[in-house]
Each structure stands twice: as C-alpha cells, then as structure tokens.
Amino acid sequence: MIGGETEKSHYYHQGYETRFGKRSIKY
C-alpha cells in the first residue's frame, strides 16, 4: 500500500488508499 502527504494523500493514479481512506502524514 502506498500513501502520500496530507494534501496529496489521495494517490492519484494508483488508488492504494481507497482501501483505508486518507491519512495525515507530514514531512
């Protein structure tokens, strides 16, 4: 599963996060 930063947590072309929703991760 691949996630992204808060404002980009919807990983736009793979959809890994549709299984568990957006999560807040910062850098």
PDB file of all heavy atoms in Angstrom:
ATOM      1  N   MET A   1       0.860  -1.174   0.000  1.00  0.00           N
ATOM      2  CA  MET A   1       0.000   0.000   0.000  1.00  0.00           C
ATOM      3  C   MET A   1       0.905   1.236   0.000  1.00  0.00           C
ATOM      4  O   MET A   1       1.913   1.277   0.700  1.00  0.00           O
ATOM      5  CB  MET A   1      -0.886   0.020   1.248  1.00  0.00           C
ATOM      6  CG  MET A   1      -1.921  -1.071   1.294  1.00  0.00           C
ATOM      7  SD  MET A   1      -3.285  -0.689   0.182  1.00  0.00           S
ATOM      8  CE  MET A   1      -4.425  -2.008   0.599  1.00  0.00           C
ATOM      9  N   ILE A   2       0.542   2.222  -0.793  1.00  0.00           N
ATOM     10  CA  ILE A   2       1.357   3.434  -0.892  1.00  0.00           C
ATOM     11  C   ILE A   2       0.508   4.641  -0.539  1.00  0.00           C
ATOM     12  O   ILE A   2      -0.569   4.835  -1.087  1.00  0.00           O
ATOM     13  CB  ILE A   2       1.936   3.615  -2.307  1.00  0.00           C
ATOM     14  CG1 ILE A   2       2.877   2.461  -2.646  1.00  0.00           C
ATOM     15  CG2 ILE A   2       2.675   4.944  -2.418  1.00  0.00           C
ATOM     16  CD1 ILE A   2       3.551   2.583  -3.993  1.00  0.00           C
ATOM     17  N   GLY A   3       1.002   5.458   0.385  1.00  0.00           N
ATOM     18  CA  GLY A   3       0.318   6.681   0.780  1.00  0.00           C
ATOM     19  C   GLY A   3       1.165   7.886   0.443  1.00  0.00           C
ATOM     20  O   GLY A   3       2.308   7.772   0.014  1.00  0.00           O
ATOM     21  N   GLY A   4       0.579   9.070   0.648  1.00  0.00           N
ATOM     22  CA  GLY A   4       1.276  10.310   0.355  1.00  0.00           C
ATOM     23  C   GLY A   4       1.102  11.312   1.474  1.00  0.00           C
ATOM     24  O   GLY A   4       0.549  11.000   2.524  1.00  0.00           O
ATOM     25  N   GLU A   5       1.592  12.533   1.242  1.00  0.00           N
ATOM     26  CA  GLU A   5       1.469  13.585   2.241  1.00  0.00           C
ATOM     27  C   GLU A   5       0.013  13.996   2.419  1.00  0.00           C
ATOM     28  O   GLU A   5      -0.861  13.636   1.640  1.00  0.00           O
ATOM     29  CB  GLU A   5       2.302  14.798   1.828  1.00  0.00           C
ATOM     30  CG  GLU A   5       3.796  14.579   1.984  1.00  0.00           C
ATOM     31  CD  GLU A   5       4.548  15.870   1.745  1.00  0.00           C
ATOM     32  OE1 GLU A   5       4.643  16.678   2.672  1.00  0.00           O
ATOM     33  OE2 GLU A   5       5.029  16.062   0.612  1.00  0.00           O
ATOM     34  N   THR A   6      -0.222  14.813   3.441  1.00  0.00           N
ATOM     35  CA  THR A   6      -1.588  15.180   3.805  1.00  0.00           C
ATOM     36  C   THR A   6      -2.385  15.697   2.622  1.00  0.00           C
ATOM     37  O   THR A   6      -3.469  15.209   2.306  1.00  0.00           O
ATOM     38  CB  THR A   6      -1.571  16.262   4.913  1.00  0.00           C
ATOM     39  OG1 THR A   6      -0.787  15.793   5.996  1.00  0.00           O
ATOM     40  CG2 THR A   6      -2.974  16.555   5.372  1.00  0.00           C
ATOM     41  N   GLU A   7      -1.834  16.686   1.911  1.00  0.00           N
ATOM     42  CA  GLU A   7      -2.604  17.287   0.826  1.00  0.00           C
ATOM     43  C   GLU A   7      -2.592  16.439  -0.427  1.00  0.00           C
ATOM     44  O   GLU A   7      -3.291  16.713  -1.387  1.00  0.00           O
ATOM     45  CB  GLU A   7      -2.051  18.682   0.501  1.00  0.00           C
ATOM     46  CG  GLU A   7      -0.665  18.707  -0.159  1.00  0.00           C
ATOM     47  CD  GLU A   7       0.449  18.665   0.869  1.00  0.00           C
ATOM     48  OE1 GLU A   7       0.153  18.348   2.041  1.00  0.00           O
ATOM     49  OE2 GLU A   7       1.599  18.951   0.498  1.00  0.00           O
ATOM     50  N   LYS A   8      -1.784  15.374  -0.421  1.00  0.00           N
ATOM     51  CA  LYS A   8      -1.701  14.515  -1.598  1.00  0.00           C
ATOM     52  C   LYS A   8      -1.957  13.056  -1.221  1.00  0.00           C
ATOM     53  O   LYS A   8      -1.524  12.151  -1.901  1.00  0.00           O
ATOM     54  CB  LYS A   8      -0.329  14.648  -2.255  1.00  0.00           C
ATOM     55  CG  LYS A   8      -0.034  16.041  -2.793  1.00  0.00           C
ATOM     56  CD  LYS A   8       1.335  16.100  -3.433  1.00  0.00           C
ATOM     57  CE  LYS A   8       1.616  17.498  -3.985  1.00  0.00           C
ATOM     58  NZ  LYS A   8       2.954  17.604  -4.571  1.00  0.00           N
ATOM     59  N   SER A   9      -2.676  12.862  -0.131  1.00  0.00           N
ATOM     60  CA  SER A   9      -2.833  11.505   0.350  1.00  0.00           C
ATOM     61  C   SER A   9      -3.720  10.669  -0.556  1.00  0.00           C
ATOM     62  O   SER A   9      -3.726   9.452  -0.468  1.00  0.00           O
ATOM     63  CB  SER A   9      -3.392  11.492   1.771  1.00  0.00           C
ATOM     64  OG  SER A   9      -4.636  12.151   1.810  1.00  0.00           O
ATOM     65  N   HIS A  10      -4.492  11.309  -1.428  1.00  0.00           N
ATOM     66  CA  HIS A  10      -5.206  10.570  -2.456  1.00  0.00           C
ATOM     67  C   HIS A  10      -4.208  10.310  -3.573  1.00  0.00           C
ATOM     68  O   HIS A  10      -3.933  11.158  -4.404  1.00  0.00           O
ATOM     69  CB  HIS A  10      -6.390  11.374  -2.973  1.00  0.00           C
ATOM     70  CG  HIS A  10      -7.023  10.761  -4.185  1.00  0.00           C
ATOM     71  ND1 HIS A  10      -7.574   9.513  -4.156  1.00  0.00           N
ATOM     72  CD2 HIS A  10      -7.162  11.213  -5.444  1.00  0.00           C
ATOM     73  CE1 HIS A  10      -8.043   9.232  -5.362  1.00  0.00           C
ATOM     74  NE2 HIS A  10      -7.791  10.236  -6.154  1.00  0.00           N
ATOM     75  N   TYR A  11      -3.626   9.135  -3.591  1.00  0.00           N
ATOM     76  CA  TYR A  11      -2.569   8.818  -4.540  1.00  0.00           C
ATOM     77  C   TYR A  11      -3.197   8.665  -5.916  1.00  0.00           C
ATOM     78  O   TYR A  11      -3.795   7.665  -6.255  1.00  0.00           O
ATOM     79  CB  TYR A  11      -1.848   7.546  -4.091  1.00  0.00           C
ATOM     80  CG  TYR A  11      -0.518   7.357  -4.742  1.00  0.00           C
ATOM     81  CD1 TYR A  11       0.544   8.203  -4.457  1.00  0.00           C
ATOM     82  CD2 TYR A  11      -0.331   6.353  -5.664  1.00  0.00           C
ATOM     83  CE1 TYR A  11       1.755   8.035  -5.056  1.00  0.00           C
ATOM     84  CE2 TYR A  11       0.886   6.174  -6.274  1.00  0.00           C
ATOM     85  CZ  TYR A  11       1.929   7.010  -5.967  1.00  0.00           C
ATOM     86  OH  TYR A  11       3.147   6.857  -6.581  1.00  0.00           O
ATOM     87  N   TYR A  12      -3.037   9.666  -6.763  1.00  0.00           N
ATOM     88  CA  TYR A  12      -3.992   9.950  -7.822  1.00  0.00           C
ATOM     89  C   TYR A  12      -4.101   8.899  -8.886  1.00  0.00           C
ATOM     90  O   TYR A  12      -5.152   8.763  -9.514  1.00  0.00           O
ATOM     91  CB  TYR A  12      -3.653  11.298  -8.457  1.00  0.00           C
ATOM     92  CG  TYR A  12      -2.491  11.262  -9.437  1.00  0.00           C
ATOM     93  CD1 TYR A  12      -2.726  11.290 -10.800  1.00  0.00           C
ATOM     94  CD2 TYR A  12      -1.180  11.180  -8.996  1.00  0.00           C
ATOM     95  CE1 TYR A  12      -1.677  11.260 -11.685  1.00  0.00           C
ATOM     96  CE2 TYR A  12      -0.134  11.145  -9.877  1.00  0.00           C
ATOM     97  CZ  TYR A  12      -0.382  11.186 -11.234  1.00  0.00           C
ATOM     98  OH  TYR A  12       0.652  11.149 -12.122  1.00  0.00           O
ATOM     99  N   HIS A  13      -3.095   8.111  -9.181  1.00  0.00           N
ATOM    100  CA  HIS A  13      -3.227   7.192 -10.308  1.00  0.00           C
ATOM    101  C   HIS A  13      -3.097   5.730  -9.915  1.00  0.00           C
ATOM    102  O   HIS A  13      -3.079   4.869 -10.757  1.00  0.00           O
ATOM    103  CB  HIS A  13      -2.210   7.516 -11.393  1.00  0.00           C
ATOM    104  CG  HIS A  13      -0.785   7.174 -11.033  1.00  0.00           C
ATOM    105  ND1 HIS A  13      -0.142   7.743  -9.973  1.00  0.00           N
ATOM    106  CD2 HIS A  13       0.092   6.317 -11.590  1.00  0.00           C
ATOM    107  CE1 HIS A  13       1.091   7.262  -9.909  1.00  0.00           C
ATOM    108  NE2 HIS A  13       1.252   6.387 -10.863  1.00  0.00           N
ATOM    109  N   GLN A  14      -3.031   5.428  -8.645  1.00  0.00           N
ATOM    110  CA  GLN A  14      -2.938   4.033  -8.246  1.00  0.00           C
ATOM    111  C   GLN A  14      -4.063   3.593  -7.318  1.00  0.00           C
ATOM    112  O   GLN A  14      -4.450   2.439  -7.339  1.00  0.00           O
ATOM    113  CB  GLN A  14      -1.595   3.760  -7.570  1.00  0.00           C
ATOM    114  CG  GLN A  14      -0.415   3.841  -8.518  1.00  0.00           C
ATOM    115  CD  GLN A  14      -0.430   2.707  -9.540  1.00  0.00           C
ATOM    116  OE1 GLN A  14      -0.857   1.619  -9.245  1.00  0.00           O
ATOM    117  NE2 GLN A  14       0.012   2.983 -10.738  1.00  0.00           N
ATOM    118  N   GLY A  15      -4.547   4.505  -6.483  1.00  0.00           N
ATOM    119  CA  GLY A  15      -5.699   4.160  -5.673  1.00  0.00           C
ATOM    120  C   GLY A  15      -5.436   3.201  -4.532  1.00  0.00           C
ATOM    121  O   GLY A  15      -6.333   2.538  -4.057  1.00  0.00           O
ATOM    122  N   TYR A  16      -4.211   3.113  -4.056  1.00  0.00           N
ATOM    123  CA  TYR A  16      -3.947   2.244  -2.919  1.00  0.00           C
ATOM    124  C   TYR A  16      -4.806   2.642  -1.714  1.00  0.00           C
ATOM    125  O   TYR A  16      -5.265   1.805  -0.965  1.00  0.00           O
ATOM    126  CB  TYR A  16      -2.472   2.327  -2.503  1.00  0.00           C
ATOM    127  CG  TYR A  16      -1.503   1.718  -3.475  1.00  0.00           C
ATOM    128  CD1 TYR A  16      -0.967   2.454  -4.509  1.00  0.00           C
ATOM    129  CD2 TYR A  16      -1.113   0.391  -3.337  1.00  0.00           C
ATOM    130  CE1 TYR A  16      -0.065   1.887  -5.390  1.00  0.00           C
ATOM    131  CE2 TYR A  16      -0.217  -0.181  -4.213  1.00  0.00           C
ATOM    132  CZ  TYR A  16       0.312   0.566  -5.241  1.00  0.00           C
ATOM    133  OH  TYR A  16       1.194   0.008  -6.115  1.00  0.00           O
ATOM    134  N   GLU A  17      -5.004   3.931  -1.528  1.00  0.00           N
ATOM    135  CA  GLU A  17      -5.636   4.379  -0.300  1.00  0.00           C
ATOM    136  C   GLU A  17      -7.150   4.217  -0.287  1.00  0.00           C
ATOM    137  O   GLU A  17      -7.786   4.460   0.727  1.00  0.00           O
ATOM    138  CB  GLU A  17      -5.259   5.837  -0.026  1.00  0.00           C
ATOM    139  CG  GLU A  17      -3.789   5.977   0.282  1.00  0.00           C
ATOM    140  CD  GLU A  17      -3.463   7.300   0.936  1.00  0.00           C
ATOM    141  OE1 GLU A  17      -4.347   8.157   1.000  1.00  0.00           O
ATOM    142  OE2 GLU A  17      -2.333   7.462   1.395  1.00  0.00           O
ATOM    143  N   THR A  18      -7.723   3.783  -1.400  1.00  0.00           N
ATOM    144  CA  THR A  18      -9.166   3.570  -1.376  1.00  0.00           C
ATOM    145  C   THR A  18      -9.537   2.422  -0.452  1.00  0.00           C
ATOM    146  O   THR A  18     -10.687   2.274  -0.077  1.00  0.00           O
ATOM    147  CB  THR A  18      -9.692   3.275  -2.791  1.00  0.00           C
ATOM    148  OG1 THR A  18      -9.032   2.108  -3.297  1.00  0.00           O
ATOM    149  CG2 THR A  18      -9.440   4.431  -3.713  1.00  0.00           C
ATOM    150  N   ARG A  19      -8.551   1.611  -0.073  1.00  0.00           N
ATOM    151  CA  ARG A  19      -8.847   0.501   0.819  1.00  0.00           C
ATOM    152  C   ARG A  19      -8.970   0.958   2.276  1.00  0.00           C
ATOM    153  O   ARG A  19      -9.592   0.283   3.077  1.00  0.00           O
ATOM    154  CB  ARG A  19      -7.752  -0.572   0.731  1.00  0.00           C
ATOM    155  CG  ARG A  19      -7.528  -1.120  -0.657  1.00  0.00           C
ATOM    156  CD  ARG A  19      -8.764  -1.748  -1.213  1.00  0.00           C
ATOM    157  NE  ARG A  19      -8.765  -3.201  -1.066  1.00  0.00           N
ATOM    158  CZ  ARG A  19      -9.600  -3.986  -1.699  1.00  0.00           C
ATOM    159  NH1 ARG A  19     -10.506  -3.468  -2.499  1.00  0.00           N
ATOM    160  NH2 ARG A  19      -9.547  -5.278  -1.535  1.00  0.00           N
ATOM    161  N   PHE A  20      -8.363   2.104   2.603  1.00  0.00           N
ATOM    162  CA  PHE A  20      -8.404   2.505   4.007  1.00  0.00           C
ATOM    163  C   PHE A  20      -8.560   4.001   4.223  1.00  0.00           C
ATOM    164  O   PHE A  20      -8.538   4.476   5.344  1.00  0.00           O
ATOM    165  CB  PHE A  20      -7.147   2.033   4.746  1.00  0.00           C
ATOM    166  CG  PHE A  20      -5.848   2.435   4.082  1.00  0.00           C
ATOM    167  CD1 PHE A  20      -5.226   3.616   4.403  1.00  0.00           C
ATOM    168  CD2 PHE A  20      -5.263   1.605   3.153  1.00  0.00           C
ATOM    169  CE1 PHE A  20      -4.032   3.982   3.810  1.00  0.00           C
ATOM    170  CE2 PHE A  20      -4.066   1.967   2.541  1.00  0.00           C
ATOM    171  CZ  PHE A  20      -3.456   3.150   2.862  1.00  0.00           C
ATOM    172  N   GLY A  21      -8.742   4.775   3.152  1.00  0.00           N
ATOM    173  CA  GLY A  21      -9.017   6.192   3.294  1.00  0.00           C
ATOM    174  C   GLY A  21      -7.776   7.046   3.459  1.00  0.00           C
ATOM    175  O   GLY A  21      -6.656   6.555   3.562  1.00  0.00           O
ATOM    176  N   LYS A  22      -7.975   8.367   3.477  1.00  0.00           N
ATOM    177  CA  LYS A  22      -6.862   9.301   3.605  1.00  0.00           C
ATOM    178  C   LYS A  22      -6.345   9.333   5.042  1.00  0.00           C
ATOM    179  O   LYS A  22      -7.114   9.242   5.987  1.00  0.00           O
ATOM    180  CB  LYS A  22      -7.306  10.708   3.188  1.00  0.00           C
ATOM    181  CG  LYS A  22      -7.718  10.820   1.723  1.00  0.00           C
ATOM    182  CD  LYS A  22      -8.071  12.260   1.373  1.00  0.00           C
ATOM    183  CE  LYS A  22      -8.513  12.380  -0.082  1.00  0.00           C
ATOM    184  NZ  LYS A  22      -8.810  13.779  -0.447  1.00  0.00           N
ATOM    185  N   ARG A  23      -5.047   9.476   5.151  1.00  0.00           N
ATOM    186  CA  ARG A  23      -4.431   9.618   6.463  1.00  0.00           C
ATOM    187  C   ARG A  23      -3.445  10.782   6.426  1.00  0.00           C
ATOM    188  O   ARG A  23      -2.815  11.038   5.414  1.00  0.00           O
ATOM    189  CB  ARG A  23      -3.686   8.336   6.855  1.00  0.00           C
ATOM    190  CG  ARG A  23      -4.582   7.117   6.955  1.00  0.00           C
ATOM    191  CD  ARG A  23      -5.629   7.281   8.031  1.00  0.00           C
ATOM    192  NE  ARG A  23      -5.050   7.442   9.344  1.00  0.00           N
ATOM    193  CZ  ARG A  23      -4.809   6.439  10.174  1.00  0.00           C
ATOM    194  NH1 ARG A  23      -5.106   5.195   9.833  1.00  0.00           N
ATOM    195  NH2 ARG A  23      -4.278   6.661  11.368  1.00  0.00           N
ATOM    196  N   SER A  24      -3.306  11.449   7.521  1.00  0.00           N
ATOM    197  CA  SER A  24      -2.442  12.621   7.590  1.00  0.00           C
ATOM    198  C   SER A  24      -1.001  12.210   7.895  1.00  0.00           C
ATOM    199  O   SER A  24      -0.710  11.660   8.953  1.00  0.00           O
ATOM    200  CB  SER A  24      -2.943  13.574   8.678  1.00  0.00           C
ATOM    201  OG  SER A  24      -2.062  14.660   8.833  1.00  0.00           O
ATOM    202  N   ILE A  25      -0.115  12.438   6.923  1.00  0.00           N
ATOM    203  CA  ILE A  25       1.308  12.170   7.114  1.00  0.00           C
ATOM    204  C   ILE A  25       2.074  13.401   6.656  1.00  0.00           C
ATOM    205  O   ILE A  25       1.877  13.891   5.543  1.00  0.00           O
ATOM    206  CB  ILE A  25       1.766  10.952   6.303  1.00  0.00           C
ATOM    207  CG1 ILE A  25       0.886   9.738   6.615  1.00  0.00           C
ATOM    208  CG2 ILE A  25       3.224  10.619   6.590  1.00  0.00           C
ATOM    209  CD1 ILE A  25       1.168   8.547   5.742  1.00  0.00           C
ATOM    210  N   LYS A  26       2.938  13.902   7.498  1.00  0.00           N
ATOM    211  CA  LYS A  26       3.657  15.120   7.184  1.00  0.00           C
ATOM    212  C   LYS A  26       5.131  14.831   6.919  1.00  0.00           C
ATOM    213  O   LYS A  26       5.635  13.758   7.222  1.00  0.00           O
ATOM    214  CB  LYS A  26       3.527  16.124   8.332  1.00  0.00           C
ATOM    215  CG  LYS A  26       2.093  16.532   8.644  1.00  0.00           C
ATOM    216  CD  LYS A  26       2.044  17.487   9.828  1.00  0.00           C
ATOM    217  CE  LYS A  26       0.608  17.889  10.142  1.00  0.00           C
ATOM    218  NZ  LYS A  26       0.542  18.809  11.306  1.00  0.00           N
ATOM    219  N   TYR A  27       5.795  15.811   6.324  1.00  0.00           N
ATOM    220  CA  TYR A  27       7.245  15.720   6.135  1.00  0.00           C
ATOM    221  C   TYR A  27       7.908  16.846   6.925  1.00  0.00           C
ATOM    222  O   TYR A  27       7.454  17.975   6.831  1.00  0.00           O
ATOM    223  CB  TYR A  27       7.610  15.838   4.661  1.00  0.00           C
ATOM    224  CG  TYR A  27       9.084  15.559   4.436  1.00  0.00           C
ATOM    225  CD1 TYR A  27       9.528  14.261   4.253  1.00  0.00           C
ATOM    226  CD2 TYR A  27      10.022  16.584   4.435  1.00  0.00           C
ATOM    227  CE1 TYR A  27      10.875  13.989   4.088  1.00  0.00           C
ATOM    228  CE2 TYR A  27      11.369  16.322   4.271  1.00  0.00           C
ATOM    229  CZ  TYR A  27      11.786  15.017   4.085  1.00  0.00           C
ATOM    230  OH  TYR A  27      13.119  14.764   3.922  1.00  0.00           O
TER     231      TYR A  27
END
